[in-house]
Amino acid sequence: MTDTLLDESLDWVASRFNAVVEQPDGDTLLYNSFMGAFARVPAVDSDSLRRALHDGISGIPAGILAELCLHGFFVPDGTDEKSRLDGLCRDEQLALLDRLQLVLLPNEQCNFRCKYCSQTFARKKMKREVIEGVVALVSRRAPSLSKLSVGWFGGEPLTAPEIIDEVAERLRAIARAHGIAYSSSMTTNGYLLTEPVARMLLKNEVRSYQITLDGQRV
């Protein structure tokens, strides 16, 4: 592949997705956002690199040039990189059509009032029409889904365990009926995580928790 990249019959130009940062020590850092690639070119080759970025490959040591071409910093002249990006975005969007990730707030109220919290606590428990709307959404999307992920948030979600239990049970039933992989997580302060509540959550596949523990400033 290296021999092909260095074929003199090919004209290589700098990718439109390059970001270039010159370091105080003379080295040059490159980042290509399309490939997600990083490179560090030593100071001794930085002048050649800068010329190549503006005028096409010239004077860069073969080993460095091969790596830069391989990782997308240089592309064949005439490459339509925008079309490549558009195609990649379409592919990723299509790949996500069979997945649904929900973040549900059973209660926007909280039993704590941490000063740094960004929540406004403007609403209270999830209303019946919202519950039915969530279930209807999942039911409508179910035939095309392979994965369903539910995150419980708030306020403090455990101030409304009855809502979690009902909604989770109904969503899990839909997932079972359509062969959908179901997973669930929760962000909670943990204060109301009693044994009965924990058993209810375990039954409803809530297996991942983010719990914040606050202490005195030091």
N, C-alpha and C. Protein backbone atom coordinates (compact mmCIF):
# COMPACT_ATOMS: atom_id res chain seq x y z
N MET A 1 0.83 -1.20 0.00
CA MET A 1 0.00 0.00 0.00
C MET A 1 0.86 1.25 0.00
N THR A 2 1.99 1.18 0.68
CA THR A 2 2.89 2.32 0.72
C THR A 2 3.38 2.67 -0.68
N ASP A 3 3.71 1.62 -1.50
CA ASP A 3 4.19 1.87 -2.85
C ASP A 3 3.13 2.61 -3.66
N THR A 4 1.84 2.23 -3.48
CA THR A 4 0.78 2.90 -4.20
C THR A 4 0.65 4.35 -3.77
N LEU A 5 0.76 4.58 -2.45
CA LEU A 5 0.64 5.94 -1.95
C LEU A 5 1.74 6.84 -2.49
N LEU A 6 2.89 6.30 -2.77
CA LEU A 6 4.04 7.07 -3.23
C LEU A 6 4.19 7.04 -4.74
N ASP A 7 3.24 6.47 -5.45
CA ASP A 7 3.28 6.41 -6.91
C ASP A 7 3.33 7.84 -7.46
N GLU A 8 4.36 8.16 -8.21
CA GLU A 8 4.54 9.52 -8.72
C GLU A 8 3.47 9.89 -9.74
N SER A 9 2.74 8.91 -10.26
CA SER A 9 1.68 9.22 -11.22
C SER A 9 0.43 9.76 -10.53
N LEU A 10 0.40 9.65 -9.21
CA LEU A 10 -0.75 10.15 -8.46
C LEU A 10 -0.43 11.53 -7.91
N ASP A 11 -1.39 12.45 -8.04
CA ASP A 11 -1.25 13.79 -7.47
C ASP A 11 -2.02 13.83 -6.14
N TRP A 12 -1.30 14.14 -5.07
CA TRP A 12 -1.89 14.16 -3.75
C TRP A 12 -1.94 15.59 -3.25
N VAL A 13 -3.08 15.96 -2.66
CA VAL A 13 -3.26 17.31 -2.13
C VAL A 13 -3.73 17.21 -0.68
N ALA A 14 -3.59 18.32 0.04
CA ALA A 14 -3.97 18.33 1.46
C ALA A 14 -5.49 18.15 1.60
N SER A 15 -5.90 17.37 2.58
CA SER A 15 -7.31 17.18 2.88
C SER A 15 -7.93 18.48 3.39
N ARG A 16 -9.17 18.70 3.05
CA ARG A 16 -9.89 19.88 3.53
C ARG A 16 -10.23 19.77 5.02
N PHE A 17 -10.04 18.59 5.59
CA PHE A 17 -10.39 18.38 7.00
C PHE A 17 -9.17 18.45 7.93
N ASN A 18 -8.07 18.98 7.43
CA ASN A 18 -6.86 19.10 8.26
C ASN A 18 -6.92 20.32 9.17
N ALA A 19 -6.43 20.16 10.39
CA ALA A 19 -6.15 21.28 11.29
C ALA A 19 -4.66 21.21 11.61
N VAL A 20 -3.98 22.35 11.53
CA VAL A 20 -2.52 22.40 11.67
C VAL A 20 -2.16 23.33 12.83
N VAL A 21 -1.31 22.84 13.73
CA VAL A 21 -0.85 23.64 14.87
C VAL A 21 0.67 23.53 14.94
N GLU A 22 1.33 24.67 14.85
CA GLU A 22 2.79 24.70 14.95
C GLU A 22 3.19 24.86 16.41
N GLN A 23 4.09 24.00 16.87
CA GLN A 23 4.53 23.98 18.25
C GLN A 23 5.72 24.91 18.46
N PRO A 24 5.91 25.39 19.69
CA PRO A 24 7.06 26.27 19.99
C PRO A 24 8.41 25.62 19.67
N ASP A 25 8.50 24.28 19.76
CA ASP A 25 9.76 23.62 19.48
C ASP A 25 9.98 23.38 17.99
N GLY A 26 9.04 23.85 17.15
CA GLY A 26 9.20 23.69 15.71
C GLY A 26 8.47 22.51 15.14
N ASP A 27 8.05 21.56 15.98
CA ASP A 27 7.26 20.44 15.48
C ASP A 27 5.89 20.94 15.00
N THR A 28 5.25 20.16 14.16
CA THR A 28 3.92 20.50 13.65
C THR A 28 2.94 19.39 14.00
N LEU A 29 1.82 19.78 14.61
CA LEU A 29 0.76 18.83 14.93
C LEU A 29 -0.33 18.91 13.87
N LEU A 30 -0.79 17.75 13.43
CA LEU A 30 -1.86 17.66 12.45
C LEU A 30 -3.02 16.86 13.03
N TYR A 31 -4.22 17.30 12.71
CA TYR A 31 -5.42 16.54 13.07
C TYR A 31 -6.33 16.52 11.85
N ASN A 32 -6.79 15.33 11.46
CA ASN A 32 -7.74 15.20 10.36
C ASN A 32 -9.08 14.77 10.93
N SER A 33 -10.07 15.65 10.85
CA SER A 33 -11.34 15.40 11.51
C SER A 33 -12.18 14.34 10.80
N PHE A 34 -11.93 14.09 9.51
CA PHE A 34 -12.67 13.05 8.81
C PHE A 34 -12.21 11.67 9.26
N MET A 35 -10.91 11.48 9.36
CA MET A 35 -10.36 10.19 9.76
C MET A 35 -10.20 10.05 11.26
N GLY A 36 -10.25 11.18 11.98
CA GLY A 36 -9.99 11.15 13.41
C GLY A 36 -8.53 10.84 13.71
N ALA A 37 -7.63 11.28 12.84
CA ALA A 37 -6.21 10.92 12.94
C ALA A 37 -5.38 12.10 13.44
N PHE A 38 -4.38 11.79 14.27
CA PHE A 38 -3.41 12.76 14.74
C PHE A 38 -2.03 12.40 14.19
N ALA A 39 -1.21 13.42 13.97
CA ALA A 39 0.17 13.18 13.55
C ALA A 39 1.05 14.31 14.08
N ARG A 40 2.29 13.95 14.39
CA ARG A 40 3.27 14.95 14.82
C ARG A 40 4.46 14.85 13.87
N VAL A 41 4.74 15.93 13.17
CA VAL A 41 5.85 15.97 12.23
C VAL A 41 7.00 16.74 12.87
N PRO A 42 8.20 16.15 12.93
CA PRO A 42 9.33 16.80 13.60
C PRO A 42 9.73 18.10 12.92
N ALA A 43 10.37 18.96 13.69
CA ALA A 43 10.74 20.29 13.21
C ALA A 43 11.57 20.24 11.94
N VAL A 44 12.44 19.24 11.82
CA VAL A 44 13.33 19.17 10.66
C VAL A 44 12.55 18.99 9.36
N ASP A 45 11.32 18.45 9.44
CA ASP A 45 10.50 18.24 8.24
C ASP A 45 9.33 19.20 8.15
N SER A 46 9.21 20.14 9.08
CA SER A 46 8.04 21.01 9.12
C SER A 46 7.96 21.94 7.93
N ASP A 47 9.10 22.47 7.48
CA ASP A 47 9.08 23.36 6.31
C ASP A 47 8.57 22.62 5.07
N SER A 48 9.04 21.39 4.86
CA SER A 48 8.57 20.60 3.72
C SER A 48 7.08 20.31 3.84
N LEU A 49 6.64 20.05 5.07
CA LEU A 49 5.22 19.78 5.29
C LEU A 49 4.38 20.99 4.94
N ARG A 50 4.79 22.17 5.39
CA ARG A 50 4.01 23.38 5.11
C ARG A 50 3.90 23.62 3.60
N ARG A 51 4.99 23.40 2.86
CA ARG A 51 4.93 23.55 1.41
C ARG A 51 3.97 22.54 0.79
N ALA A 52 4.03 21.32 1.29
CA ALA A 52 3.17 20.27 0.74
C ALA A 52 1.70 20.56 1.01
N LEU A 53 1.39 21.12 2.17
CA LEU A 53 0.01 21.42 2.50
C LEU A 53 -0.58 22.47 1.56
N HIS A 54 0.28 23.34 1.02
CA HIS A 54 -0.20 24.38 0.12
C HIS A 54 -0.04 24.01 -1.36
N ASP A 55 1.02 23.29 -1.69
CA ASP A 55 1.35 23.08 -3.10
C ASP A 55 1.34 21.62 -3.53
N GLY A 56 0.95 20.68 -2.66
CA GLY A 56 1.01 19.27 -2.99
C GLY A 56 2.30 18.65 -2.49
N ILE A 57 2.34 17.34 -2.45
CA ILE A 57 3.47 16.64 -1.84
C ILE A 57 4.77 16.97 -2.58
N SER A 58 5.77 17.30 -1.81
CA SER A 58 7.07 17.62 -2.39
C SER A 58 8.09 17.69 -1.28
N GLY A 59 9.12 16.87 -1.39
CA GLY A 59 10.24 16.96 -0.47
C GLY A 59 10.04 16.35 0.89
N ILE A 60 8.89 15.68 1.14
CA ILE A 60 8.67 15.05 2.44
C ILE A 60 9.29 13.66 2.40
N PRO A 61 10.01 13.25 3.43
CA PRO A 61 10.57 11.90 3.46
C PRO A 61 9.48 10.85 3.21
N ALA A 62 9.85 9.81 2.44
CA ALA A 62 8.87 8.82 2.00
C ALA A 62 8.11 8.19 3.15
N GLY A 63 8.81 7.88 4.24
CA GLY A 63 8.13 7.23 5.37
C GLY A 63 7.06 8.11 5.98
N ILE A 64 7.36 9.40 6.16
CA ILE A 64 6.39 10.33 6.73
C ILE A 64 5.23 10.53 5.76
N LEU A 65 5.56 10.70 4.47
CA LEU A 65 4.53 10.91 3.47
C LEU A 65 3.56 9.74 3.42
N ALA A 66 4.10 8.52 3.46
CA ALA A 66 3.24 7.34 3.41
C ALA A 66 2.26 7.34 4.57
N GLU A 67 2.73 7.67 5.76
CA GLU A 67 1.84 7.68 6.92
C GLU A 67 0.78 8.77 6.80
N LEU A 68 1.18 9.94 6.30
CA LEU A 68 0.23 11.05 6.18
C LEU A 68 -0.85 10.73 5.15
N CYS A 69 -0.47 10.10 4.05
CA CYS A 69 -1.45 9.71 3.04
C CYS A 69 -2.35 8.59 3.56
N LEU A 70 -1.74 7.63 4.24
CA LEU A 70 -2.50 6.50 4.75
C LEU A 70 -3.59 6.94 5.71
N HIS A 71 -3.31 7.98 6.49
CA HIS A 71 -4.26 8.42 7.51
C HIS A 71 -5.09 9.62 7.07
N GLY A 72 -5.08 9.92 5.78
CA GLY A 72 -6.03 10.88 5.24
C GLY A 72 -5.62 12.33 5.26
N PHE A 73 -4.39 12.66 5.66
CA PHE A 73 -3.95 14.05 5.65
C PHE A 73 -3.74 14.56 4.24
N PHE A 74 -3.42 13.65 3.32
CA PHE A 74 -3.36 13.96 1.89
C PHE A 74 -4.27 12.98 1.16
N VAL A 75 -4.98 13.48 0.15
CA VAL A 75 -5.90 12.65 -0.63
C VAL A 75 -5.60 12.85 -2.10
N PRO A 76 -5.97 11.89 -2.95
CA PRO A 76 -5.76 12.07 -4.39
C PRO A 76 -6.46 13.32 -4.90
N ASP A 77 -5.77 14.09 -5.75
CA ASP A 77 -6.34 15.30 -6.32
C ASP A 77 -7.65 14.98 -7.02
N GLY A 78 -8.66 15.78 -6.77
CA GLY A 78 -9.97 15.55 -7.35
C GLY A 78 -10.92 14.79 -6.45
N THR A 79 -10.44 14.32 -5.30
CA THR A 79 -11.32 13.61 -4.36
C THR A 79 -12.41 14.54 -3.84
N ASP A 80 -13.66 14.11 -3.94
CA ASP A 80 -14.79 14.89 -3.44
C ASP A 80 -15.00 14.53 -1.97
N GLU A 81 -14.28 15.21 -1.10
CA GLU A 81 -14.34 14.87 0.32
C GLU A 81 -15.70 15.20 0.93
N LYS A 82 -16.36 16.22 0.42
CA LYS A 82 -17.67 16.56 0.96
C LYS A 82 -18.66 15.43 0.70
N SER A 83 -18.61 14.85 -0.52
CA SER A 83 -19.51 13.73 -0.83
C SER A 83 -19.19 12.53 0.05
N ARG A 84 -17.90 12.31 0.33
CA ARG A 84 -17.51 11.21 1.21
C ARG A 84 -18.10 11.42 2.60
N LEU A 85 -18.04 12.66 3.09
CA LEU A 85 -18.58 12.97 4.41
C LEU A 85 -20.09 12.80 4.42
N ASP A 86 -20.77 13.29 3.37
CA ASP A 86 -22.22 13.15 3.30
C ASP A 86 -22.62 11.68 3.30
N GLY A 87 -21.87 10.85 2.56
CA GLY A 87 -22.17 9.42 2.52
C GLY A 87 -21.96 8.77 3.87
N LEU A 88 -20.90 9.17 4.58
CA LEU A 88 -20.64 8.63 5.90
C LEU A 88 -21.75 9.00 6.87
N CYS A 89 -22.20 10.25 6.80
CA CYS A 89 -23.28 10.68 7.69
C CYS A 89 -24.57 9.91 7.40
N ARG A 90 -24.87 9.69 6.12
CA ARG A 90 -26.07 8.92 5.78
C ARG A 90 -25.97 7.49 6.30
N ASP A 91 -24.79 6.89 6.16
CA ASP A 91 -24.62 5.52 6.64
C ASP A 91 -24.81 5.44 8.15
N GLU A 92 -24.25 6.42 8.88
CA GLU A 92 -24.37 6.40 10.34
C GLU A 92 -25.82 6.64 10.77
N GLN A 93 -26.52 7.52 10.05
CA GLN A 93 -27.92 7.76 10.38
C GLN A 93 -28.76 6.51 10.15
N LEU A 94 -28.50 5.82 9.04
CA LEU A 94 -29.24 4.59 8.76
C LEU A 94 -28.95 3.52 9.81
N ALA A 95 -27.68 3.49 10.27
CA ALA A 95 -27.30 2.49 11.27
C ALA A 95 -27.99 2.73 12.61
N LEU A 96 -28.39 4.01 12.87
CA LEU A 96 -29.01 4.34 14.14
C LEU A 96 -30.53 4.27 14.10
N LEU A 97 -31.10 4.03 12.92
CA LEU A 97 -32.55 4.01 12.81
C LEU A 97 -33.17 2.86 13.60
N ASP A 98 -32.40 1.82 13.86
CA ASP A 98 -32.95 0.67 14.58
C ASP A 98 -32.69 0.75 16.08
N ARG A 99 -32.28 1.94 16.56
CA ARG A 99 -32.00 2.10 17.99
C ARG A 99 -32.77 3.31 18.52
N LEU A 100 -33.29 3.18 19.71
CA LEU A 100 -34.00 4.28 20.35
C LEU A 100 -33.49 4.44 21.77
N GLN A 101 -33.07 5.65 22.11
CA GLN A 101 -32.57 5.94 23.45
C GLN A 101 -33.44 7.03 24.05
N LEU A 102 -34.07 6.73 25.17
CA LEU A 102 -34.96 7.67 25.84
C LEU A 102 -34.37 8.08 27.19
N VAL A 103 -34.52 9.35 27.55
CA VAL A 103 -34.23 9.83 28.90
C VAL A 103 -35.55 10.33 29.49
N LEU A 104 -36.01 9.65 30.52
CA LEU A 104 -37.33 9.93 31.08
C LEU A 104 -37.20 10.52 32.48
N LEU A 105 -38.04 11.53 32.76
CA LEU A 105 -38.06 12.19 34.05
C LEU A 105 -39.37 11.86 34.76
N PRO A 106 -39.40 10.83 35.60
CA PRO A 106 -40.64 10.49 36.28
C PRO A 106 -41.11 11.57 37.24
N ASN A 107 -40.15 12.37 37.74
CA ASN A 107 -40.49 13.48 38.62
C ASN A 107 -39.40 14.53 38.51
N GLU A 108 -39.80 15.77 38.21
CA GLU A 108 -38.80 16.84 38.13
C GLU A 108 -38.51 17.45 39.50
N GLN A 109 -39.26 17.03 40.51
CA GLN A 109 -38.96 17.47 41.87
C GLN A 109 -37.84 16.61 42.46
N CYS A 110 -37.22 17.10 43.52
CA CYS A 110 -36.10 16.37 44.13
C CYS A 110 -36.16 16.51 45.64
N ASN A 111 -35.74 15.47 46.34
CA ASN A 111 -35.69 15.52 47.80
C ASN A 111 -34.45 16.25 48.31
N PHE A 112 -33.52 16.58 47.41
CA PHE A 112 -32.37 17.41 47.75
C PHE A 112 -32.54 18.76 47.05
N ARG A 113 -31.79 19.74 47.45
CA ARG A 113 -31.77 21.04 46.78
C ARG A 113 -30.32 21.52 46.73
N CYS A 114 -29.50 20.78 46.00
CA CYS A 114 -28.09 21.14 45.89
C CYS A 114 -27.95 22.50 45.20
N LYS A 115 -27.11 23.36 45.76
CA LYS A 115 -26.99 24.73 45.26
C LYS A 115 -26.51 24.79 43.82
N TYR A 116 -25.71 23.81 43.41
CA TYR A 116 -25.14 23.86 42.07
C TYR A 116 -26.04 23.23 41.02
N CYS A 117 -27.17 22.66 41.43
CA CYS A 117 -28.02 21.93 40.49
C CYS A 117 -28.61 22.88 39.44
N SER A 118 -28.61 22.43 38.20
CA SER A 118 -29.12 23.26 37.10
C SER A 118 -30.61 23.07 36.85
N GLN A 119 -31.24 22.12 37.54
CA GLN A 119 -32.66 21.86 37.31
C GLN A 119 -33.52 22.96 37.95
N THR A 120 -34.63 23.28 37.29
CA THR A 120 -35.51 24.35 37.77
C THR A 120 -36.63 23.84 38.66
N PHE A 121 -36.88 22.51 38.66
CA PHE A 121 -37.97 21.90 39.44
C PHE A 121 -39.32 22.52 39.09
N ALA A 122 -39.49 22.92 37.83
CA ALA A 122 -40.70 23.61 37.41
C ALA A 122 -41.90 22.67 37.35
N ARG A 123 -41.67 21.40 37.06
CA ARG A 123 -42.78 20.45 36.93
C ARG A 123 -42.70 19.41 38.05
N LYS A 124 -43.77 18.66 38.19
CA LYS A 124 -43.82 17.63 39.22
C LYS A 124 -43.77 16.25 38.57
N LYS A 125 -44.58 15.33 39.02
CA LYS A 125 -44.54 13.97 38.49
C LYS A 125 -45.04 13.92 37.04
N MET A 126 -44.53 12.93 36.32
CA MET A 126 -44.92 12.74 34.93
C MET A 126 -46.43 12.53 34.83
N LYS A 127 -47.06 13.31 33.95
CA LYS A 127 -48.50 13.23 33.81
C LYS A 127 -48.91 11.99 33.02
N ARG A 128 -50.19 11.59 33.20
CA ARG A 128 -50.69 10.40 32.53
C ARG A 128 -50.57 10.51 31.01
N GLU A 129 -50.85 11.68 30.46
CA GLU A 129 -50.78 11.81 29.01
C GLU A 129 -49.34 11.66 28.50
N VAL A 130 -48.36 12.05 29.32
CA VAL A 130 -46.96 11.88 28.93
C VAL A 130 -46.59 10.40 28.97
N ILE A 131 -47.03 9.70 30.01
CA ILE A 131 -46.77 8.26 30.12
C ILE A 131 -47.32 7.54 28.88
N GLU A 132 -48.56 7.85 28.55
CA GLU A 132 -49.19 7.18 27.40
C GLU A 132 -48.49 7.57 26.10
N GLY A 133 -48.01 8.80 26.03
CA GLY A 133 -47.30 9.24 24.84
C GLY A 133 -45.99 8.51 24.64
N VAL A 134 -45.27 8.27 25.75
CA VAL A 134 -44.01 7.53 25.68
C VAL A 134 -44.26 6.10 25.21
N VAL A 135 -45.26 5.46 25.80
CA VAL A 135 -45.59 4.08 25.42
C VAL A 135 -46.03 4.02 23.96
N ALA A 136 -46.80 5.00 23.52
CA ALA A 136 -47.26 5.02 22.12
C ALA A 136 -46.08 5.20 21.17
N LEU A 137 -45.13 6.06 21.54
CA LEU A 137 -43.95 6.27 20.70
C LEU A 137 -43.18 4.97 20.52
N VAL A 138 -42.91 4.28 21.62
CA VAL A 138 -42.15 3.03 21.54
C VAL A 138 -42.92 1.97 20.76
N SER A 139 -44.23 1.92 20.97
CA SER A 139 -45.05 0.95 20.23
C SER A 139 -44.99 1.21 18.73
N ARG A 140 -45.01 2.48 18.35
CA ARG A 140 -44.97 2.83 16.93
C ARG A 140 -43.62 2.51 16.30
N ARG A 141 -42.54 2.73 17.05
CA ARG A 141 -41.20 2.49 16.52
C ARG A 141 -40.77 1.02 16.64
N ALA A 142 -41.43 0.26 17.47
CA ALA A 142 -40.99 -1.10 17.82
C ALA A 142 -40.69 -2.00 16.63
N PRO A 143 -41.52 -2.03 15.58
CA PRO A 143 -41.25 -2.96 14.48
C PRO A 143 -39.90 -2.75 13.80
N SER A 144 -39.35 -1.54 13.90
CA SER A 144 -38.08 -1.26 13.22
C SER A 144 -36.89 -1.21 14.18
N LEU A 145 -37.11 -1.51 15.47
CA LEU A 145 -36.05 -1.38 16.46
C LEU A 145 -35.35 -2.71 16.74
N SER A 146 -34.05 -2.60 17.02
CA SER A 146 -33.31 -3.75 17.52
C SER A 146 -32.82 -3.50 18.95
N LYS A 147 -32.74 -2.21 19.35
CA LYS A 147 -32.27 -1.87 20.70
C LYS A 147 -33.10 -0.72 21.26
N LEU A 148 -33.44 -0.84 22.52
CA LEU A 148 -34.15 0.22 23.24
C LEU A 148 -33.42 0.46 24.56
N SER A 149 -33.01 1.71 24.78
CA SER A 149 -32.30 2.08 26.00
C SER A 149 -33.07 3.17 26.72
N VAL A 150 -33.30 2.98 28.02
CA VAL A 150 -34.06 3.94 28.82
C VAL A 150 -33.20 4.43 29.98
N GLY A 151 -33.04 5.75 30.07
CA GLY A 151 -32.33 6.36 31.19
C GLY A 151 -33.31 7.13 32.07
N TRP A 152 -33.25 6.89 33.37
CA TRP A 152 -34.14 7.57 34.32
C TRP A 152 -33.39 8.73 34.96
N PHE A 153 -34.02 9.92 34.91
CA PHE A 153 -33.35 11.14 35.36
C PHE A 153 -34.37 11.97 36.13
N GLY A 154 -34.00 13.17 36.57
CA GLY A 154 -34.92 14.01 37.30
C GLY A 154 -34.53 15.47 37.22
N GLY A 155 -34.86 16.25 38.27
CA GLY A 155 -35.23 15.89 39.62
C GLY A 155 -34.57 14.62 40.13
N GLU A 156 -35.28 13.98 41.02
CA GLU A 156 -34.84 12.71 41.58
C GLU A 156 -35.84 11.63 41.17
N PRO A 157 -35.42 10.72 40.29
CA PRO A 157 -36.37 9.73 39.77
C PRO A 157 -36.98 8.84 40.83
N LEU A 158 -36.26 8.58 41.92
CA LEU A 158 -36.78 7.65 42.92
C LEU A 158 -37.83 8.27 43.83
N THR A 159 -38.19 9.54 43.60
CA THR A 159 -39.34 10.12 44.30
C THR A 159 -40.65 9.71 43.60
N ALA A 160 -40.53 8.99 42.48
CA ALA A 160 -41.72 8.49 41.78
C ALA A 160 -41.49 7.06 41.32
N PRO A 161 -41.25 6.14 42.26
CA PRO A 161 -40.95 4.76 41.88
C PRO A 161 -42.12 4.06 41.19
N GLU A 162 -43.34 4.46 41.51
CA GLU A 162 -44.51 3.83 40.90
C GLU A 162 -44.57 4.12 39.40
N ILE A 163 -44.11 5.31 39.00
CA ILE A 163 -44.09 5.65 37.58
C ILE A 163 -43.01 4.86 36.86
N ILE A 164 -41.85 4.75 37.50
CA ILE A 164 -40.77 3.95 36.91
C ILE A 164 -41.24 2.51 36.70
N ASP A 165 -41.86 1.97 37.71
CA ASP A 165 -42.30 0.57 37.64
C ASP A 165 -43.31 0.36 36.51
N GLU A 166 -44.30 1.25 36.40
CA GLU A 166 -45.32 1.10 35.37
C GLU A 166 -44.72 1.26 33.97
N VAL A 167 -44.00 2.35 33.76
CA VAL A 167 -43.49 2.64 32.42
C VAL A 167 -42.47 1.59 31.99
N ALA A 168 -41.58 1.23 32.89
CA ALA A 168 -40.57 0.24 32.55
C ALA A 168 -41.21 -1.10 32.20
N GLU A 169 -42.19 -1.52 32.96
CA GLU A 169 -42.86 -2.80 32.70
C GLU A 169 -43.54 -2.79 31.33
N ARG A 170 -44.17 -1.68 30.99
CA ARG A 170 -44.86 -1.60 29.70
C ARG A 170 -43.87 -1.55 28.54
N LEU A 171 -42.77 -0.84 28.72
CA LEU A 171 -41.77 -0.78 27.65
C LEU A 171 -41.06 -2.12 27.48
N ARG A 172 -40.81 -2.79 28.58
CA ARG A 172 -40.18 -4.11 28.51
C ARG A 172 -41.09 -5.11 27.81
N ALA A 173 -42.40 -4.99 28.04
CA ALA A 173 -43.34 -5.89 27.37
C ALA A 173 -43.32 -5.67 25.86
N ILE A 174 -43.25 -4.44 25.45
CA ILE A 174 -43.15 -4.14 24.01
C ILE A 174 -41.86 -4.71 23.44
N ALA A 175 -40.76 -4.52 24.19
CA ALA A 175 -39.47 -5.03 23.73
C ALA A 175 -39.50 -6.55 23.58
N ARG A 176 -40.07 -7.24 24.56
CA ARG A 176 -40.15 -8.71 24.49
C ARG A 176 -40.97 -9.15 23.28
N ALA A 177 -42.07 -8.46 23.03
CA ALA A 177 -42.96 -8.85 21.94
C ALA A 177 -42.32 -8.70 20.58
N HIS A 178 -41.35 -7.79 20.46
CA HIS A 178 -40.72 -7.52 19.17
C HIS A 178 -39.27 -7.97 19.11
N GLY A 179 -38.81 -8.69 20.14
CA GLY A 179 -37.43 -9.17 20.13
C GLY A 179 -36.40 -8.06 20.19
N ILE A 180 -36.71 -6.98 20.92
CA ILE A 180 -35.82 -5.82 21.04
C ILE A 180 -34.94 -5.98 22.27
N ALA A 181 -33.64 -5.74 22.11
CA ALA A 181 -32.72 -5.75 23.25
C ALA A 181 -32.99 -4.51 24.11
N TYR A 182 -33.29 -4.74 25.38
CA TYR A 182 -33.68 -3.66 26.29
C TYR A 182 -32.62 -3.46 27.36
N SER A 183 -32.27 -2.18 27.64
CA SER A 183 -31.33 -1.86 28.73
C SER A 183 -31.79 -0.58 29.41
N SER A 184 -31.36 -0.40 30.66
CA SER A 184 -31.83 0.75 31.41
C SER A 184 -30.78 1.21 32.42
N SER A 185 -30.78 2.52 32.69
CA SER A 185 -29.82 3.12 33.64
C SER A 185 -30.54 4.21 34.43
N MET A 186 -29.87 4.72 35.44
CA MET A 186 -30.48 5.75 36.29
C MET A 186 -29.44 6.69 36.85
N THR A 187 -29.80 7.97 36.92
CA THR A 187 -29.02 8.98 37.63
C THR A 187 -29.81 9.36 38.87
N THR A 188 -29.22 9.15 40.06
CA THR A 188 -29.95 9.32 41.31
C THR A 188 -29.00 9.76 42.42
N ASN A 189 -29.57 10.41 43.44
CA ASN A 189 -28.73 10.73 44.60
C ASN A 189 -28.63 9.54 45.56
N GLY A 190 -29.42 8.50 45.32
CA GLY A 190 -29.30 7.26 46.07
C GLY A 190 -29.98 7.25 47.42
N TYR A 191 -30.51 8.37 47.87
CA TYR A 191 -31.05 8.46 49.23
C TYR A 191 -32.26 7.54 49.42
N LEU A 192 -33.05 7.37 48.36
CA LEU A 192 -34.28 6.57 48.46
C LEU A 192 -34.11 5.17 47.89
N LEU A 193 -32.88 4.76 47.71
CA LEU A 193 -32.61 3.45 47.12
C LEU A 193 -32.66 2.38 48.20
N THR A 194 -33.87 2.08 48.64
CA THR A 194 -34.09 1.06 49.66
C THR A 194 -34.07 -0.32 49.01
N GLU A 195 -34.09 -1.36 49.85
CA GLU A 195 -34.07 -2.72 49.30
C GLU A 195 -35.30 -3.00 48.43
N PRO A 196 -36.53 -2.66 48.86
CA PRO A 196 -37.69 -2.92 47.99
C PRO A 196 -37.59 -2.17 46.66
N VAL A 197 -37.12 -0.93 46.72
CA VAL A 197 -36.96 -0.16 45.48
C VAL A 197 -35.90 -0.80 44.60
N ALA A 198 -34.81 -1.23 45.21
CA ALA A 198 -33.75 -1.87 44.44
C ALA A 198 -34.25 -3.13 43.75
N ARG A 199 -35.09 -3.90 44.44
CA ARG A 199 -35.65 -5.11 43.83
C ARG A 199 -36.56 -4.75 42.64
N MET A 200 -37.34 -3.67 42.79
CA MET A 200 -38.19 -3.23 41.69
C MET A 200 -37.35 -2.81 40.48
N LEU A 201 -36.27 -2.09 40.73
CA LEU A 201 -35.40 -1.63 39.65
C LEU A 201 -34.70 -2.81 38.97
N LEU A 202 -34.27 -3.76 39.77
CA LEU A 202 -33.61 -4.94 39.20
C LEU A 202 -34.57 -5.71 38.31
N LYS A 203 -35.82 -5.84 38.76
CA LYS A 203 -36.83 -6.51 37.95
C LYS A 203 -37.02 -5.82 36.61
N ASN A 204 -36.88 -4.49 36.62
CA ASN A 204 -37.09 -3.70 35.41
C ASN A 204 -35.80 -3.38 34.65
N GLU A 205 -34.78 -4.20 34.88
CA GLU A 205 -33.54 -4.15 34.11
C GLU A 205 -32.75 -2.85 34.27
N VAL A 206 -32.93 -2.13 35.39
CA VAL A 206 -32.10 -0.95 35.66
C VAL A 206 -30.80 -1.45 36.28
N ARG A 207 -29.76 -1.53 35.48
CA ARG A 207 -28.53 -2.18 35.91
C ARG A 207 -27.34 -1.23 36.06
N SER A 208 -27.47 0.00 35.57
CA SER A 208 -26.35 0.95 35.62
C SER A 208 -26.82 2.21 36.35
N TYR A 209 -25.99 2.68 37.32
CA TYR A 209 -26.37 3.82 38.14
C TYR A 209 -25.25 4.86 38.18
N GLN A 210 -25.65 6.12 38.13
CA GLN A 210 -24.73 7.22 38.40
C GLN A 210 -25.21 7.89 39.68
N ILE A 211 -24.40 7.80 40.73
CA ILE A 211 -24.78 8.35 42.03
C ILE A 211 -23.74 9.39 42.45
N THR A 212 -24.21 10.59 42.77
CA THR A 212 -23.33 11.67 43.18
C THR A 212 -23.24 11.71 44.71
N LEU A 213 -22.03 11.71 45.22
CA LEU A 213 -21.79 11.81 46.65
C LEU A 213 -21.09 13.13 46.94
N ASP A 214 -21.71 13.97 47.74
CA ASP A 214 -21.15 15.29 48.07
C ASP A 214 -20.56 15.27 49.47
N GLY A 215 -19.57 16.08 49.67
CA GLY A 215 -18.96 16.19 51.00
C GLY A 215 -18.56 17.63 51.25
N GLN A 216 -17.89 17.86 52.37
CA GLN A 216 -17.45 19.20 52.70
C GLN A 216 -16.30 19.63 51.80
N ARG A 217 -16.23 20.92 51.57
CA ARG A 217 -15.12 21.45 50.78
C ARG A 217 -13.83 21.36 51.59
N VAL A 218 -12.73 21.13 50.90
CA VAL A 218 -11.44 21.05 51.59
C VAL A 218 -10.49 22.08 50.99
